[in-house]
Amino acid sequence: MLNPKIIEDLAEKFTQSIPPGAKAFQKDIESNFKQAMQSVISRLDLVTREEFDVQTKVLARTREKIEQLEKTLEAMQTNKS
């Protein structure tokens, strides 16, 4: 999941860009922004970096096996001809 600190930083940067006349609403705006960001992020189908790395390794091993099988099949077809 996304680090909550990142959401905090985004909310802070967002609220810093608020015009001076709207500063009275800064806390409400910041709170609503955080909630909106968390809602959007929670709907995304995200995985952790660790899960991603594991799946990358699984994919690499699978590709190696496929390449080996393709070579074996090619050798069998060559011998058959």
Protein backbone atom coordinates (compact mmCIF):
# COMPACT_ATOMS: atom_id res chain seq x y z
CA MET A 1 0.00 0.00 0.00
CA LEU A 2 0.93 3.60 -0.33
CA ASN A 3 2.81 5.09 2.56
CA PRO A 4 0.48 7.31 4.66
CA LYS A 5 3.32 9.86 4.86
CA ILE A 6 3.01 10.38 1.11
CA ILE A 7 -0.69 11.21 1.48
CA GLU A 8 0.17 13.61 4.31
CA ASP A 9 2.80 15.31 2.15
CA LEU A 10 0.43 15.59 -0.81
CA ALA A 11 -2.30 17.03 1.38
CA GLU A 12 0.11 19.53 2.87
CA LYS A 13 1.36 20.66 -0.54
CA PHE A 14 -2.21 20.91 -1.77
CA THR A 15 -3.31 23.04 1.16
CA GLN A 16 -0.25 25.28 0.83
CA SER A 17 -1.44 26.17 -2.65
CA ILE A 18 -4.80 27.40 -1.33
CA PRO A 19 -5.39 31.12 -1.87
CA PRO A 20 -5.11 33.28 1.26
CA GLY A 21 -8.85 34.00 1.32
CA ALA A 22 -9.63 30.31 1.74
CA LYS A 23 -7.11 29.67 4.51
CA ALA A 24 -9.93 29.61 7.05
CA PHE A 25 -11.09 26.37 5.45
CA GLN A 26 -7.60 24.89 5.27
CA LYS A 27 -8.15 22.15 7.89
CA ASP A 28 -11.42 21.05 6.28
CA ILE A 29 -9.90 21.10 2.82
CA GLU A 30 -6.86 19.15 3.99
CA SER A 31 -9.02 16.58 5.75
CA ASN A 32 -11.30 16.16 2.73
CA PHE A 33 -8.31 15.88 0.42
CA LYS A 34 -6.77 13.14 2.58
CA GLN A 35 -10.03 11.23 2.67
CA ALA A 36 -10.45 11.53 -1.08
CA MET A 37 -6.89 10.34 -1.72
CA GLN A 38 -7.28 7.38 0.64
CA SER A 39 -10.57 6.47 -1.00
CA VAL A 40 -9.08 6.54 -4.48
CA ILE A 41 -6.01 4.58 -3.41
CA SER A 42 -8.06 1.96 -1.59
CA ARG A 43 -10.00 1.26 -4.80
CA LEU A 44 -6.81 0.64 -6.75
CA ASP A 45 -5.58 -2.91 -7.04
CA LEU A 46 -2.10 -2.27 -5.63
CA VAL A 47 0.48 -4.73 -4.38
CA THR A 48 3.44 -4.22 -2.11
CA ARG A 49 6.92 -3.95 -3.54
CA GLU A 50 7.75 -7.30 -1.96
CA GLU A 51 4.81 -8.99 -3.70
CA PHE A 52 5.80 -7.38 -6.98
CA ASP A 53 9.40 -8.59 -6.65
CA VAL A 54 8.25 -12.13 -5.86
CA GLN A 55 5.99 -12.19 -8.91
CA THR A 56 8.79 -10.81 -11.08
CA LYS A 57 11.01 -13.71 -10.01
CA VAL A 58 8.21 -16.22 -10.66
CA LEU A 59 7.72 -14.75 -14.12
CA ALA A 60 11.45 -14.96 -14.87
CA ARG A 61 11.55 -18.63 -13.82
CA THR A 62 8.47 -19.35 -15.92
CA ARG A 63 10.05 -17.72 -18.96
CA GLU A 64 13.19 -19.81 -18.47
CA LYS A 65 11.11 -22.99 -18.32
CA ILE A 66 9.21 -22.02 -21.46
CA GLU A 67 12.46 -21.35 -23.30
CA GLN A 68 13.80 -24.74 -22.20
CA LEU A 69 10.61 -26.45 -23.32
CA GLU A 70 10.73 -24.66 -26.67
CA LYS A 71 14.32 -25.85 -27.20
CA THR A 72 13.37 -29.39 -26.23
CA LEU A 73 10.39 -29.34 -28.58
CA GLU A 74 12.51 -27.94 -31.40
CA ALA A 75 15.12 -30.66 -30.84
CA MET A 76 12.42 -33.33 -30.86
CA GLN A 77 10.95 -31.95 -34.08
CA THR A 78 14.40 -31.80 -35.68
CA ASN A 79 15.12 -35.42 -34.71
CA LYS A 80 11.73 -36.50 -36.01
CA SER A 81 12.33 -34.97 -39.45
